[in-house]
C-alpha atoms as a PDB file:
ATOM      1  CA  MET A   1      17.386 -29.399  -2.313  1.00  0.00           C
ATOM      2  CA  ILE A   2      16.023 -25.872  -2.673  1.00  0.00           C
ATOM      3  CA  PRO A   3      13.528 -24.931   0.045  1.00  0.00           C
ATOM      4  CA  ARG A   4      10.082 -23.968  -1.132  1.00  0.00           C
ATOM      5  CA  VAL A   5       9.029 -20.434  -0.474  1.00  0.00           C
ATOM      6  CA  LYS A   6       5.368 -19.584  -0.290  1.00  0.00           C
ATOM      7  CA  ILE A   7       4.670 -16.442  -2.247  1.00  0.00           C
ATOM      8  CA  LEU A   8       1.867 -14.418  -0.757  1.00  0.00           C
ATOM      9  CA  ASN A   9      -0.484 -12.374  -2.804  1.00  0.00           C
ATOM     10  CA  LYS A  10      -3.692 -10.591  -1.970  1.00  0.00           C
ATOM     11  CA  THR A  11      -5.801 -13.676  -2.602  1.00  0.00           C
ATOM     12  CA  SER A  12      -3.715 -15.870  -0.295  1.00  0.00           C
ATOM     13  CA  LEU A  13      -3.787 -13.500   2.685  1.00  0.00           C
ATOM     14  CA  GLU A  14      -6.331 -13.592   5.455  1.00  0.00           C
ATOM     15  CA  PRO A  15      -8.935 -10.795   5.334  1.00  0.00           C
ATOM     16  CA  ASP A  16      -7.431  -9.137   8.424  1.00  0.00           C
ATOM     17  CA  SER A  17      -4.015  -9.133   6.785  1.00  0.00           C
ATOM     18  CA  LEU A  18      -5.499  -7.427   3.744  1.00  0.00           C
ATOM     19  CA  THR A  19      -7.022  -4.722   5.906  1.00  0.00           C
ATOM     20  CA  ILE A  20      -3.754  -4.130   7.739  1.00  0.00           C
ATOM     21  CA  ALA A  21      -1.739  -4.110   4.514  1.00  0.00           C
ATOM     22  CA  ALA A  22      -4.208  -1.724   2.876  1.00  0.00           C
ATOM     23  CA  ASN A  23      -4.027   0.661   5.841  1.00  0.00           C
ATOM     24  CA  VAL A  24      -0.220   0.556   5.857  1.00  0.00           C
ATOM     25  CA  GLU A  25      -0.125   1.199   2.109  1.00  0.00           C
ATOM     26  CA  HIS A  26      -2.549   4.112   2.412  1.00  0.00           C
ATOM     27  CA  ILE A  27      -0.611   5.687   5.280  1.00  0.00           C
ATOM     28  CA  CYS A  28       2.713   5.312   3.465  1.00  0.00           C
ATOM     29  CA  GLY A  29       1.179   7.126   0.521  1.00  0.00           C
ATOM     30  CA  LEU A  30       0.721  10.149   2.767  1.00  0.00           C
ATOM     31  CA  GLY A  31       4.476  10.754   2.921  1.00  0.00           C
ATOM     32  CA  CYS A  32       7.224  10.303   5.477  1.00  0.00           C
ATOM     33  CA  THR A  33       6.311  13.318   7.595  1.00  0.00           C
ATOM     34  CA  ARG A  34       2.723  12.127   8.078  1.00  0.00           C
ATOM     35  CA  VAL A  35       3.862   8.546   8.658  1.00  0.00           C
ATOM     36  CA  ASN A  36       6.103   9.746  11.487  1.00  0.00           C
ATOM     37  CA  GLU A  37       3.245  11.795  12.937  1.00  0.00           C
ATOM     38  CA  ILE A  38       0.993   8.719  12.822  1.00  0.00           C
ATOM     39  CA  ILE A  39       3.662   6.568  14.474  1.00  0.00           C
ATOM     40  CA  ASN A  40       3.978   9.111  17.292  1.00  0.00           C
ATOM     41  CA  ALA A  41       0.203   9.340  17.678  1.00  0.00           C
ATOM     42  CA  LEU A  42      -0.182   5.550  17.812  1.00  0.00           C
ATOM     43  CA  GLU A  43       2.617   5.281  20.363  1.00  0.00           C
ATOM     44  CA  ASN A  44       0.724   7.809  22.498  1.00  0.00           C
ATOM     45  CA  SER A  45      -2.646   6.060  22.001  1.00  0.00           C
ATOM     46  CA  GLU A  46      -4.119   9.073  20.231  1.00  0.00           C
ATOM     47  CA  SER A  47      -7.046   8.626  17.875  1.00  0.00           C
ATOM     48  CA  LEU A  48      -6.421   9.226  14.201  1.00  0.00           C
ATOM     49  CA  GLU A  49      -8.770   9.999  11.351  1.00  0.00           C
ATOM     50  CA  GLU A  50      -6.765   7.642   9.112  1.00  0.00           C
ATOM     51  CA  LEU A  51      -7.482   4.715  11.432  1.00  0.00           C
ATOM     52  CA  ASP A  52     -11.023   5.553  12.481  1.00  0.00           C
ATOM     53  CA  GLY A  53     -12.883   2.288  13.018  1.00  0.00           C
ATOM     54  CA  VAL A  54      -9.746   0.120  12.912  1.00  0.00           C
ATOM     55  CA  PRO A  55      -9.600  -2.209  15.934  1.00  0.00           C
ATOM     56  CA  ALA A  56      -6.886  -1.518  18.517  1.00  0.00           C
ATOM     57  CA  GLU A  57      -5.176  -4.861  17.855  1.00  0.00           C
ATOM     58  CA  HIS A  58      -4.901  -3.962  14.155  1.00  0.00           C
ATOM     59  CA  GLN A  59      -3.550  -0.531  15.049  1.00  0.00           C
ATOM     60  CA  LYS A  60      -0.751  -2.211  17.007  1.00  0.00           C
ATOM     61  CA  LEU A  61       0.161  -4.305  13.968  1.00  0.00           C
ATOM     62  CA  ILE A  62      -0.018  -1.263  11.706  1.00  0.00           C
ATOM     63  CA  LEU A  63       2.305   0.597  14.092  1.00  0.00           C
ATOM     64  CA  THR A  64       4.793  -2.278  13.982  1.00  0.00           C
ATOM     65  CA  GLU A  65       4.724  -2.321  10.181  1.00  0.00           C
ATOM     66  CA  LEU A  66       5.119   1.444   9.892  1.00  0.00           C
ATOM     67  CA  LYS A  67       8.068   1.460  12.287  1.00  0.00           C
ATOM     68  CA  ALA A  68       9.761  -1.319  10.322  1.00  0.00           C
ATOM     69  CA  ILE A  69       9.271   0.574   7.069  1.00  0.00           C
ATOM     70  CA  MET A  70      10.575   3.841   8.486  1.00  0.00           C
ATOM     71  CA  ALA A  71      13.584   2.059  10.009  1.00  0.00           C
ATOM     72  CA  VAL A  72      14.780   1.380   6.460  1.00  0.00           C
ATOM     73  CA  TYR A  73      14.827   5.107   5.773  1.00  0.00           C
ATOM     74  CA  GLU A  74      16.642   5.833   9.034  1.00  0.00           C
ATOM     75  CA  THR A  75      19.276   3.218   8.198  1.00  0.00           C
ATOM     76  CA  THR A  76      19.753   4.759   4.759  1.00  0.00           C
ATOM     77  CA  GLU A  77      20.154   8.203   6.314  1.00  0.00           C
ATOM     78  CA  ASP A  78      22.718   6.888   8.804  1.00  0.00           C
ATOM     79  CA  GLU A  79      24.758   5.090   6.147  1.00  0.00           C
ATOM     80  CA  ASN A  80      24.798   8.012   3.720  1.00  0.00           C
ATOM     81  CA  GLY A  81      24.911  10.793   6.275  1.00  0.00           C
ATOM     82  CA  THR A  82      22.118  12.535   4.433  1.00  0.00           C
ATOM     83  CA  ASN A  83      18.352  12.629   4.445  1.00  0.00           C
ATOM     84  CA  THR A  84      16.641  10.523   1.801  1.00  0.00           C
END
């Protein structure tokens, strides 16, 4: 028997998840350098224009997502020995 997988789309996500996903998508669109700056700022509890008005608990989730995304790039760099 093949297990069922629930496919999520924007209409099936909770409103908070949409907000977090939208913020992550926007930040990623700013480029890797800015994403890394935002990660560092969030880790140091600095305020950011990009996340003005976003609750602290959402900022923590956004930080987790951004770090996971950037880890993919770091893994690629390590495997290839080059920057991507």
